[in-house]
């Protein structure tokens, strides 16, 4: 039903009050988007496969989509990200489903400053809609390559190493279940 409902007008961003994101916020404000906690240390317990990551919780985001980003940060990041995705010569690897996450985290890593605001959450009414499909209909997604690029380009951030190890182990578990069990 909501997918087919009429679109509401977008508020004028220049007229909106800017405030940190909290549970009490009114819907028609521009909520600040805090930077991801990239300076978290690598957690070697992840290598056991028995420990779950917890550093991804909080007000920060990873994905690029559905947010209003500071244009200058995005422009400066795109050229460097294209170089990171270069395999050889003019051949580039472009992720088919994790590009939004790769770009969102790349921008944050390139301009990392503790507690920095990197953009803003879209105010209501948001102008992006999508249908949430049941898990059984969703395709299998691996983020390990994108996370590996982030860990390689920004080795100083344990957050990316945590992401990479977690995704690598998830991929191994899925492969074992699919091909050996």
N, C-alpha and C. Protein backbone atom coordinates (compact mmCIF):
# COMPACT_ATOMS: atom_id res chain seq x y z
N UNK A 1 0.82 -1.20 0.00
CA UNK A 1 0.00 0.00 0.00
C UNK A 1 0.86 1.26 0.00
N UNK A 2 1.82 1.33 0.91
CA UNK A 2 2.65 2.53 1.00
C UNK A 2 3.45 2.76 -0.28
N UNK A 3 3.85 1.68 -0.94
CA UNK A 3 4.61 1.79 -2.19
C UNK A 3 3.82 2.55 -3.24
N UNK A 4 2.50 2.39 -3.25
CA UNK A 4 1.67 3.01 -4.28
C UNK A 4 1.03 4.33 -3.83
N UNK A 5 1.20 4.71 -2.60
CA UNK A 5 0.58 5.95 -2.10
C UNK A 5 1.22 7.17 -2.77
N UNK A 6 0.48 8.29 -2.83
CA UNK A 6 1.03 9.50 -3.47
C UNK A 6 2.26 10.00 -2.73
N UNK A 7 3.15 10.62 -3.48
CA UNK A 7 4.38 11.18 -2.90
C UNK A 7 4.08 12.52 -2.25
N UNK A 8 4.61 12.72 -1.06
CA UNK A 8 4.45 13.99 -0.38
C UNK A 8 5.56 14.93 -0.84
N UNK A 9 5.33 16.25 -0.75
CA UNK A 9 6.39 17.18 -1.17
C UNK A 9 7.61 17.10 -0.25
N UNK A 10 8.78 17.30 -0.83
CA UNK A 10 10.03 17.29 -0.07
C UNK A 10 10.17 18.63 0.64
N UNK A 11 10.51 18.62 1.93
CA UNK A 11 10.71 19.89 2.62
C UNK A 11 11.94 20.63 2.09
N UNK A 12 11.96 21.93 2.23
CA UNK A 12 13.10 22.74 1.82
C UNK A 12 14.22 22.54 2.84
N UNK A 13 15.31 21.90 2.42
CA UNK A 13 16.40 21.58 3.34
C UNK A 13 16.99 22.82 3.99
N UNK A 14 17.01 23.92 3.27
CA UNK A 14 17.60 25.15 3.81
C UNK A 14 16.79 25.72 4.97
N UNK A 15 15.52 25.35 5.06
CA UNK A 15 14.65 25.86 6.11
C UNK A 15 14.61 24.94 7.35
N UNK A 16 15.23 23.77 7.24
CA UNK A 16 15.15 22.80 8.33
C UNK A 16 16.16 23.08 9.43
N UNK A 17 15.73 22.84 10.64
CA UNK A 17 16.63 22.91 11.79
C UNK A 17 17.53 21.68 11.76
N UNK A 18 18.79 21.83 12.15
CA UNK A 18 19.73 20.71 12.19
C UNK A 18 19.93 20.31 13.64
N UNK A 19 19.82 19.02 13.93
CA UNK A 19 19.97 18.53 15.30
C UNK A 19 20.53 17.12 15.26
N UNK A 20 21.21 16.69 16.34
CA UNK A 20 21.67 15.30 16.41
C UNK A 20 20.48 14.35 16.41
N UNK A 21 20.68 13.16 15.88
CA UNK A 21 19.61 12.16 15.82
C UNK A 21 19.37 11.60 17.21
N UNK A 22 18.13 11.68 17.67
CA UNK A 22 17.73 11.09 18.95
C UNK A 22 16.36 10.47 18.77
N UNK A 23 15.92 9.72 19.75
CA UNK A 23 14.60 9.10 19.69
C UNK A 23 13.49 10.14 19.77
N UNK A 24 13.77 11.29 20.39
CA UNK A 24 12.73 12.30 20.60
C UNK A 24 12.61 13.29 19.45
N UNK A 25 13.45 13.18 18.43
CA UNK A 25 13.44 14.17 17.35
C UNK A 25 12.09 14.23 16.65
N UNK A 26 11.73 15.44 16.28
CA UNK A 26 10.57 15.63 15.43
C UNK A 26 10.96 15.15 14.04
N UNK A 27 10.01 14.65 13.25
CA UNK A 27 10.38 14.10 11.96
C UNK A 27 10.87 15.13 10.93
N UNK A 28 10.48 16.40 11.07
CA UNK A 28 10.85 17.38 10.05
C UNK A 28 12.04 18.23 10.52
N UNK A 29 13.15 17.56 10.78
CA UNK A 29 14.43 18.24 11.05
C UNK A 29 15.48 17.51 10.24
N UNK A 30 16.59 18.15 10.02
CA UNK A 30 17.70 17.50 9.34
C UNK A 30 18.59 16.92 10.42
N UNK A 31 18.59 15.60 10.56
CA UNK A 31 19.32 14.93 11.64
C UNK A 31 20.75 14.65 11.22
N UNK A 32 21.69 15.01 12.08
CA UNK A 32 23.10 14.81 11.74
C UNK A 32 23.43 13.32 11.64
N UNK A 33 24.33 13.02 10.74
CA UNK A 33 24.76 11.65 10.49
C UNK A 33 26.19 11.51 11.02
N UNK A 34 26.37 10.87 12.18
CA UNK A 34 27.71 10.76 12.75
C UNK A 34 28.58 9.78 11.98
N UNK A 35 29.86 9.99 12.04
CA UNK A 35 30.82 9.13 11.35
C UNK A 35 30.87 7.75 12.03
N UNK A 36 31.14 6.72 11.25
CA UNK A 36 31.24 5.35 11.79
C UNK A 36 32.44 5.26 12.75
N UNK A 37 32.38 4.36 13.72
CA UNK A 37 33.47 4.23 14.71
C UNK A 37 34.66 3.46 14.15
N UNK A 38 35.29 4.03 13.12
CA UNK A 38 36.35 3.34 12.39
C UNK A 38 37.57 3.05 13.24
N UNK A 39 37.79 3.86 14.27
CA UNK A 39 39.00 3.67 15.08
C UNK A 39 38.86 2.55 16.11
N UNK A 40 37.75 1.80 16.05
CA UNK A 40 37.65 0.61 16.91
C UNK A 40 38.79 -0.33 16.57
N UNK A 41 39.29 -1.00 17.56
CA UNK A 41 40.42 -1.92 17.35
C UNK A 41 39.94 -3.23 16.73
N UNK A 42 40.85 -3.87 16.01
CA UNK A 42 40.57 -5.20 15.47
C UNK A 42 40.36 -6.15 16.64
N UNK A 43 39.33 -6.97 16.55
CA UNK A 43 39.03 -7.93 17.61
C UNK A 43 39.42 -9.33 17.15
N UNK A 44 40.56 -9.84 17.62
CA UNK A 44 41.03 -11.16 17.16
C UNK A 44 40.09 -12.30 17.53
N UNK A 45 39.18 -12.08 18.47
CA UNK A 45 38.21 -13.14 18.82
C UNK A 45 37.33 -13.50 17.63
N UNK A 46 37.19 -12.58 16.67
CA UNK A 46 36.39 -12.86 15.48
C UNK A 46 36.96 -14.02 14.68
N UNK A 47 38.26 -14.22 14.74
CA UNK A 47 38.91 -15.29 13.98
C UNK A 47 38.46 -16.68 14.43
N UNK A 48 37.93 -16.79 15.63
CA UNK A 48 37.47 -18.08 16.13
C UNK A 48 36.15 -18.50 15.50
N UNK A 49 35.41 -17.53 14.98
CA UNK A 49 34.10 -17.82 14.41
C UNK A 49 33.01 -17.96 15.45
N UNK A 50 33.38 -17.97 16.72
CA UNK A 50 32.39 -18.14 17.79
C UNK A 50 31.96 -16.80 18.38
N UNK A 51 32.65 -15.74 18.02
CA UNK A 51 32.37 -14.43 18.58
C UNK A 51 31.70 -13.55 17.52
N UNK A 52 30.65 -12.83 17.91
CA UNK A 52 29.95 -11.96 16.96
C UNK A 52 30.40 -10.52 17.13
N UNK A 53 30.51 -9.84 16.00
CA UNK A 53 30.86 -8.42 16.00
C UNK A 53 29.78 -7.60 16.70
N UNK A 54 30.21 -6.58 17.42
CA UNK A 54 29.26 -5.66 18.05
C UNK A 54 29.56 -4.21 17.69
N UNK A 55 30.65 -3.97 16.99
CA UNK A 55 31.06 -2.58 16.74
C UNK A 55 30.24 -1.88 15.66
N UNK A 56 29.28 -2.59 15.06
CA UNK A 56 28.49 -1.97 14.01
C UNK A 56 27.22 -1.30 14.55
N UNK A 57 26.96 -1.44 15.85
CA UNK A 57 25.76 -0.84 16.44
C UNK A 57 26.00 0.62 16.78
N UNK A 58 24.97 1.41 16.68
CA UNK A 58 25.09 2.82 17.03
C UNK A 58 24.38 3.69 16.00
N UNK A 59 24.50 4.98 16.16
CA UNK A 59 23.78 5.92 15.29
C UNK A 59 24.43 6.08 13.92
N UNK A 60 25.65 5.59 13.73
CA UNK A 60 26.34 5.75 12.45
C UNK A 60 25.71 4.86 11.38
N UNK A 61 26.11 5.07 10.16
CA UNK A 61 25.62 4.25 9.06
C UNK A 61 26.81 3.71 8.28
N UNK A 62 26.54 2.74 7.46
CA UNK A 62 27.56 2.22 6.56
C UNK A 62 27.17 2.52 5.12
N UNK A 63 25.91 2.35 4.78
CA UNK A 63 25.47 2.52 3.39
C UNK A 63 25.41 3.98 2.97
N UNK A 64 25.61 4.20 1.69
CA UNK A 64 25.60 5.53 1.11
C UNK A 64 24.18 5.98 0.77
N UNK A 65 23.35 5.05 0.36
CA UNK A 65 22.02 5.41 -0.14
C UNK A 65 21.09 5.91 0.96
N UNK A 66 20.03 6.60 0.58
CA UNK A 66 18.98 7.12 1.47
C UNK A 66 19.48 8.17 2.45
N UNK A 67 20.61 8.79 2.18
CA UNK A 67 21.14 9.82 3.06
C UNK A 67 21.47 11.06 2.23
N UNK A 68 21.57 12.20 2.89
CA UNK A 68 22.00 13.43 2.23
C UNK A 68 23.44 13.64 2.65
N UNK A 69 24.38 13.54 1.71
CA UNK A 69 25.81 13.65 2.01
C UNK A 69 26.33 15.02 1.63
N UNK A 70 27.40 15.43 2.28
CA UNK A 70 28.07 16.67 1.92
C UNK A 70 28.75 16.44 0.57
N UNK A 71 28.29 17.14 -0.44
CA UNK A 71 28.71 16.90 -1.82
C UNK A 71 30.22 16.93 -1.99
N UNK A 72 30.88 17.86 -1.36
CA UNK A 72 32.33 17.99 -1.52
C UNK A 72 33.06 16.73 -1.05
N UNK A 73 32.58 16.11 0.03
CA UNK A 73 33.20 14.88 0.52
C UNK A 73 33.03 13.75 -0.50
N UNK A 74 31.86 13.68 -1.11
CA UNK A 74 31.59 12.62 -2.09
C UNK A 74 32.47 12.81 -3.32
N UNK A 75 32.55 14.02 -3.82
CA UNK A 75 33.36 14.29 -5.02
C UNK A 75 34.82 13.90 -4.80
N UNK A 76 35.36 14.28 -3.67
CA UNK A 76 36.77 13.99 -3.40
C UNK A 76 37.02 12.49 -3.25
N UNK A 77 36.02 11.75 -2.80
CA UNK A 77 36.18 10.32 -2.55
C UNK A 77 36.06 9.47 -3.81
N UNK A 78 35.23 9.89 -4.75
CA UNK A 78 34.94 9.05 -5.91
C UNK A 78 36.17 8.72 -6.75
N UNK A 79 37.01 9.71 -7.01
CA UNK A 79 38.21 9.46 -7.83
C UNK A 79 39.15 8.48 -7.14
N UNK A 80 39.33 8.64 -5.85
CA UNK A 80 40.22 7.74 -5.12
C UNK A 80 39.63 6.34 -5.03
N UNK A 81 38.32 6.24 -4.83
CA UNK A 81 37.67 4.93 -4.78
C UNK A 81 37.82 4.21 -6.12
N UNK A 82 37.69 4.95 -7.22
CA UNK A 82 37.86 4.34 -8.54
C UNK A 82 39.26 3.74 -8.68
N UNK A 83 40.26 4.41 -8.14
CA UNK A 83 41.63 3.89 -8.18
C UNK A 83 41.76 2.62 -7.33
N UNK A 84 41.10 2.60 -6.19
CA UNK A 84 41.15 1.43 -5.31
C UNK A 84 40.50 0.22 -5.99
N UNK A 85 39.46 0.46 -6.80
CA UNK A 85 38.75 -0.63 -7.47
C UNK A 85 39.44 -1.08 -8.75
N UNK A 86 40.53 -0.42 -9.13
CA UNK A 86 41.24 -0.77 -10.35
C UNK A 86 41.95 -2.11 -10.17
N UNK A 87 41.73 -3.01 -11.11
CA UNK A 87 42.39 -4.32 -11.08
C UNK A 87 43.70 -4.23 -11.86
N UNK A 88 43.60 -3.77 -13.12
CA UNK A 88 44.80 -3.59 -13.94
C UNK A 88 44.42 -2.72 -15.14
N UNK A 89 45.20 -1.69 -15.38
CA UNK A 89 44.93 -0.80 -16.51
C UNK A 89 43.56 -0.16 -16.38
N UNK A 90 42.73 -0.38 -17.40
CA UNK A 90 41.38 0.19 -17.39
C UNK A 90 40.34 -0.79 -16.85
N UNK A 91 40.77 -1.92 -16.38
CA UNK A 91 39.86 -2.93 -15.84
C UNK A 91 39.61 -2.62 -14.36
N UNK A 92 38.34 -2.39 -14.03
CA UNK A 92 37.94 -2.07 -12.65
C UNK A 92 36.97 -3.11 -12.14
N UNK A 93 37.02 -3.37 -10.86
CA UNK A 93 36.02 -4.22 -10.20
C UNK A 93 34.95 -3.30 -9.65
N UNK A 94 33.70 -3.51 -10.05
CA UNK A 94 32.59 -2.72 -9.55
C UNK A 94 31.62 -3.68 -8.88
N UNK A 95 31.46 -3.57 -7.56
CA UNK A 95 30.56 -4.49 -6.86
C UNK A 95 29.12 -4.28 -7.28
N UNK A 96 28.40 -5.36 -7.48
CA UNK A 96 27.02 -5.24 -7.96
C UNK A 96 26.03 -4.90 -6.86
N UNK A 97 26.29 -5.30 -5.61
CA UNK A 97 25.30 -4.98 -4.58
C UNK A 97 25.89 -4.34 -3.34
N UNK A 98 27.17 -4.19 -3.25
CA UNK A 98 27.74 -3.57 -2.05
C UNK A 98 28.42 -2.24 -2.35
N UNK A 99 28.19 -1.69 -3.54
CA UNK A 99 28.82 -0.42 -3.89
C UNK A 99 28.35 0.71 -2.98
N UNK A 100 27.07 0.73 -2.61
CA UNK A 100 26.59 1.81 -1.74
C UNK A 100 27.25 1.75 -0.37
N UNK A 101 27.46 0.55 0.14
CA UNK A 101 28.13 0.40 1.43
C UNK A 101 29.62 0.74 1.32
N UNK A 102 30.25 0.27 0.25
CA UNK A 102 31.66 0.57 0.02
C UNK A 102 31.88 2.08 -0.07
N UNK A 103 31.04 2.77 -0.82
CA UNK A 103 31.19 4.22 -0.97
C UNK A 103 30.93 4.94 0.35
N UNK A 104 29.88 4.55 1.07
CA UNK A 104 29.58 5.19 2.35
C UNK A 104 30.71 5.06 3.35
N UNK A 105 31.28 3.89 3.46
CA UNK A 105 32.38 3.68 4.40
C UNK A 105 33.69 4.30 3.90
N UNK A 106 33.88 4.30 2.59
CA UNK A 106 35.10 4.90 2.02
C UNK A 106 35.14 6.39 2.32
N UNK A 107 34.03 7.08 2.11
CA UNK A 107 33.96 8.52 2.40
C UNK A 107 34.29 8.77 3.86
N UNK A 108 33.71 7.97 4.73
CA UNK A 108 33.93 8.18 6.16
C UNK A 108 35.40 7.93 6.54
N UNK A 109 36.02 6.93 5.93
CA UNK A 109 37.42 6.64 6.24
C UNK A 109 38.35 7.72 5.70
N UNK A 110 38.05 8.21 4.52
CA UNK A 110 38.90 9.23 3.90
C UNK A 110 38.93 10.51 4.74
N UNK A 111 37.82 10.83 5.37
CA UNK A 111 37.72 12.09 6.12
C UNK A 111 37.52 11.85 7.61
N UNK A 112 38.03 10.72 8.10
CA UNK A 112 37.73 10.36 9.49
C UNK A 112 38.26 11.37 10.50
N UNK A 113 37.36 11.80 11.33
CA UNK A 113 37.66 12.58 12.54
C UNK A 113 36.65 12.10 13.57
N UNK A 114 37.12 11.79 14.75
CA UNK A 114 36.24 11.31 15.82
C UNK A 114 35.03 12.25 15.97
N UNK A 115 33.83 11.70 16.04
CA UNK A 115 32.58 12.43 16.26
C UNK A 115 32.24 13.44 15.17
N UNK A 116 32.79 13.30 13.99
CA UNK A 116 32.51 14.23 12.89
C UNK A 116 31.13 13.94 12.31
N UNK A 117 30.46 14.99 11.82
CA UNK A 117 29.21 14.83 11.08
C UNK A 117 29.58 14.74 9.61
N UNK A 118 29.18 13.66 8.95
CA UNK A 118 29.54 13.46 7.55
C UNK A 118 28.37 13.71 6.60
N UNK A 119 27.19 13.85 7.14
CA UNK A 119 26.02 14.08 6.31
C UNK A 119 24.80 14.19 7.20
N UNK A 120 23.63 13.96 6.60
CA UNK A 120 22.38 14.09 7.34
C UNK A 120 21.41 13.00 6.90
N UNK A 121 20.60 12.54 7.84
CA UNK A 121 19.52 11.61 7.53
C UNK A 121 18.46 12.37 6.77
N UNK A 122 17.83 11.72 5.83
CA UNK A 122 16.75 12.39 5.09
C UNK A 122 15.58 12.62 6.03
N UNK A 123 15.01 13.82 5.99
CA UNK A 123 13.85 14.09 6.85
C UNK A 123 12.60 13.44 6.27
N UNK A 124 11.61 13.26 7.11
CA UNK A 124 10.33 12.77 6.61
C UNK A 124 9.65 13.91 5.87
N UNK A 125 8.89 13.70 4.84
CA UNK A 125 8.69 12.39 4.24
C UNK A 125 9.87 12.03 3.34
N UNK A 126 10.44 10.86 3.57
CA UNK A 126 11.55 10.41 2.73
C UNK A 126 11.02 10.15 1.33
N UNK A 127 11.86 10.33 0.36
CA UNK A 127 11.43 10.20 -1.03
C UNK A 127 11.97 8.94 -1.70
N UNK A 128 12.35 7.98 -0.90
CA UNK A 128 12.82 6.71 -1.44
C UNK A 128 11.98 5.61 -0.81
N UNK A 129 11.45 4.75 -1.65
CA UNK A 129 10.64 3.63 -1.15
C UNK A 129 11.18 2.34 -1.75
N UNK A 130 11.07 1.30 -0.99
CA UNK A 130 11.47 0.00 -1.51
C UNK A 130 10.61 -1.07 -0.85
N UNK A 131 10.48 -2.17 -1.54
CA UNK A 131 9.70 -3.29 -1.04
C UNK A 131 10.65 -4.23 -0.31
N UNK A 132 10.29 -4.60 0.90
CA UNK A 132 11.10 -5.55 1.65
C UNK A 132 10.58 -6.95 1.33
N UNK A 133 11.41 -7.72 0.67
CA UNK A 133 11.01 -9.07 0.29
C UNK A 133 11.31 -10.05 1.40
N UNK A 134 10.60 -11.17 1.44
CA UNK A 134 10.92 -12.21 2.42
C UNK A 134 12.34 -12.73 2.19
N UNK A 135 12.99 -13.18 3.24
CA UNK A 135 14.37 -13.68 3.16
C UNK A 135 14.52 -14.77 2.12
N UNK A 136 13.52 -15.60 1.98
CA UNK A 136 13.61 -16.73 1.04
C UNK A 136 13.73 -16.26 -0.42
N UNK A 137 13.29 -15.04 -0.71
CA UNK A 137 13.35 -14.53 -2.08
C UNK A 137 14.59 -13.68 -2.34
N UNK A 138 15.35 -13.39 -1.32
CA UNK A 138 16.52 -12.52 -1.49
C UNK A 138 17.71 -13.34 -1.98
N UNK A 139 18.49 -12.71 -2.86
CA UNK A 139 19.69 -13.38 -3.36
C UNK A 139 20.79 -13.32 -2.30
N UNK A 140 21.72 -14.23 -2.41
CA UNK A 140 22.84 -14.30 -1.47
C UNK A 140 23.78 -13.14 -1.75
N UNK A 141 24.17 -12.42 -0.72
CA UNK A 141 25.05 -11.26 -0.89
C UNK A 141 26.34 -11.47 -0.12
N UNK A 142 27.45 -11.26 -0.79
CA UNK A 142 28.75 -11.31 -0.14
C UNK A 142 29.38 -9.92 -0.19
N UNK A 143 29.77 -9.43 0.94
CA UNK A 143 30.41 -8.12 1.02
C UNK A 143 31.92 -8.26 1.20
N UNK A 144 32.42 -9.47 1.20
CA UNK A 144 33.81 -9.71 1.58
C UNK A 144 34.79 -8.97 0.67
N UNK A 145 34.52 -8.89 -0.62
CA UNK A 145 35.45 -8.21 -1.52
C UNK A 145 35.49 -6.72 -1.23
N UNK A 146 34.33 -6.09 -1.07
CA UNK A 146 34.28 -4.66 -0.75
C UNK A 146 34.95 -4.40 0.60
N UNK A 147 34.67 -5.25 1.57
CA UNK A 147 35.28 -5.08 2.89
C UNK A 147 36.78 -5.29 2.83
N UNK A 148 37.22 -6.20 1.97
CA UNK A 148 38.65 -6.41 1.79
C UNK A 148 39.33 -5.19 1.19
N UNK A 149 38.66 -4.54 0.23
CA UNK A 149 39.21 -3.30 -0.35
C UNK A 149 39.35 -2.22 0.70
N UNK A 150 38.35 -2.10 1.57
CA UNK A 150 38.40 -1.09 2.64
C UNK A 150 39.54 -1.40 3.61
N UNK A 151 39.67 -2.66 4.00
CA UNK A 151 40.72 -3.04 4.95
C UNK A 151 42.11 -2.84 4.33
N UNK A 152 42.22 -3.10 3.04
CA UNK A 152 43.51 -2.92 2.36
C UNK A 152 43.86 -1.44 2.22
N UNK A 153 42.89 -0.61 1.83
CA UNK A 153 43.14 0.82 1.61
C UNK A 153 43.33 1.57 2.93
N UNK A 154 42.60 1.16 3.97
CA UNK A 154 42.65 1.86 5.26
C UNK A 154 43.05 0.88 6.37
N UNK A 155 44.28 0.36 6.34
CA UNK A 155 44.69 -0.65 7.33
C UNK A 155 44.73 -0.11 8.76
N UNK A 156 44.71 1.19 8.93
CA UNK A 156 44.77 1.78 10.27
C UNK A 156 43.45 1.64 11.03
N UNK A 157 42.37 1.26 10.35
CA UNK A 157 41.06 1.17 11.00
C UNK A 157 40.67 -0.29 11.27
N UNK A 158 40.67 -0.66 12.53
CA UNK A 158 40.29 -2.02 12.92
C UNK A 158 38.86 -2.37 12.55
N UNK A 159 38.00 -1.36 12.45
CA UNK A 159 36.60 -1.57 12.08
C UNK A 159 36.51 -2.33 10.75
N UNK A 160 37.34 -1.96 9.78
CA UNK A 160 37.31 -2.62 8.48
C UNK A 160 37.85 -4.04 8.55
N UNK A 161 38.84 -4.26 9.37
CA UNK A 161 39.36 -5.62 9.56
C UNK A 161 38.28 -6.49 10.19
N UNK A 162 37.54 -5.94 11.15
CA UNK A 162 36.43 -6.67 11.77
C UNK A 162 35.38 -7.02 10.72
N UNK A 163 35.04 -6.06 9.86
CA UNK A 163 34.06 -6.31 8.80
C UNK A 163 34.54 -7.43 7.88
N UNK A 164 35.78 -7.33 7.44
CA UNK A 164 36.33 -8.29 6.49
C UNK A 164 36.35 -9.70 7.06
N UNK A 165 36.85 -9.85 8.29
CA UNK A 165 36.93 -11.18 8.91
C UNK A 165 35.53 -11.76 9.08
N UNK A 166 34.59 -10.92 9.53
CA UNK A 166 33.22 -11.42 9.72
C UNK A 166 32.63 -11.90 8.40
N UNK A 167 32.77 -11.11 7.33
CA UNK A 167 32.21 -11.50 6.04
C UNK A 167 32.92 -12.72 5.45
N UNK A 168 34.21 -12.82 5.65
CA UNK A 168 34.95 -13.98 5.18
C UNK A 168 34.45 -15.26 5.86
N UNK A 169 34.26 -15.20 7.16
CA UNK A 169 33.77 -16.37 7.90
C UNK A 169 32.34 -16.72 7.50
N UNK A 170 31.51 -15.71 7.30
CA UNK A 170 30.13 -15.97 6.84
C UNK A 170 30.16 -16.67 5.49
N UNK A 171 31.01 -16.19 4.58
CA UNK A 171 31.13 -16.82 3.27
C UNK A 171 31.61 -18.26 3.35
N UNK A 172 32.58 -18.52 4.21
CA UNK A 172 33.07 -19.89 4.39
C UNK A 172 31.98 -20.80 4.94
N UNK A 173 31.22 -20.31 5.93
CA UNK A 173 30.13 -21.12 6.50
C UNK A 173 29.08 -21.45 5.45
N UNK A 174 28.73 -20.46 4.64
CA UNK A 174 27.73 -20.69 3.60
C UNK A 174 28.25 -21.70 2.57
N UNK A 175 29.51 -21.56 2.17
CA UNK A 175 30.10 -22.48 1.19
C UNK A 175 30.14 -23.90 1.74
N UNK A 176 30.51 -24.06 2.99
CA UNK A 176 30.56 -25.39 3.60
C UNK A 176 29.18 -26.01 3.64
N UNK A 177 28.18 -25.22 4.06
CA UNK A 177 26.80 -25.75 4.10
C UNK A 177 26.29 -26.12 2.71
N UNK A 178 26.60 -25.28 1.75
CA UNK A 178 26.08 -25.49 0.40
C UNK A 178 26.76 -26.64 -0.32
N UNK A 179 28.07 -26.77 -0.17
CA UNK A 179 28.80 -27.74 -0.98
C UNK A 179 29.27 -28.99 -0.24
N UNK A 180 29.25 -28.97 1.08
CA UNK A 180 29.79 -30.12 1.80
C UNK A 180 28.80 -30.77 2.77
N UNK A 181 27.70 -30.14 3.02
CA UNK A 181 26.74 -30.72 3.98
C UNK A 181 25.46 -31.07 3.28
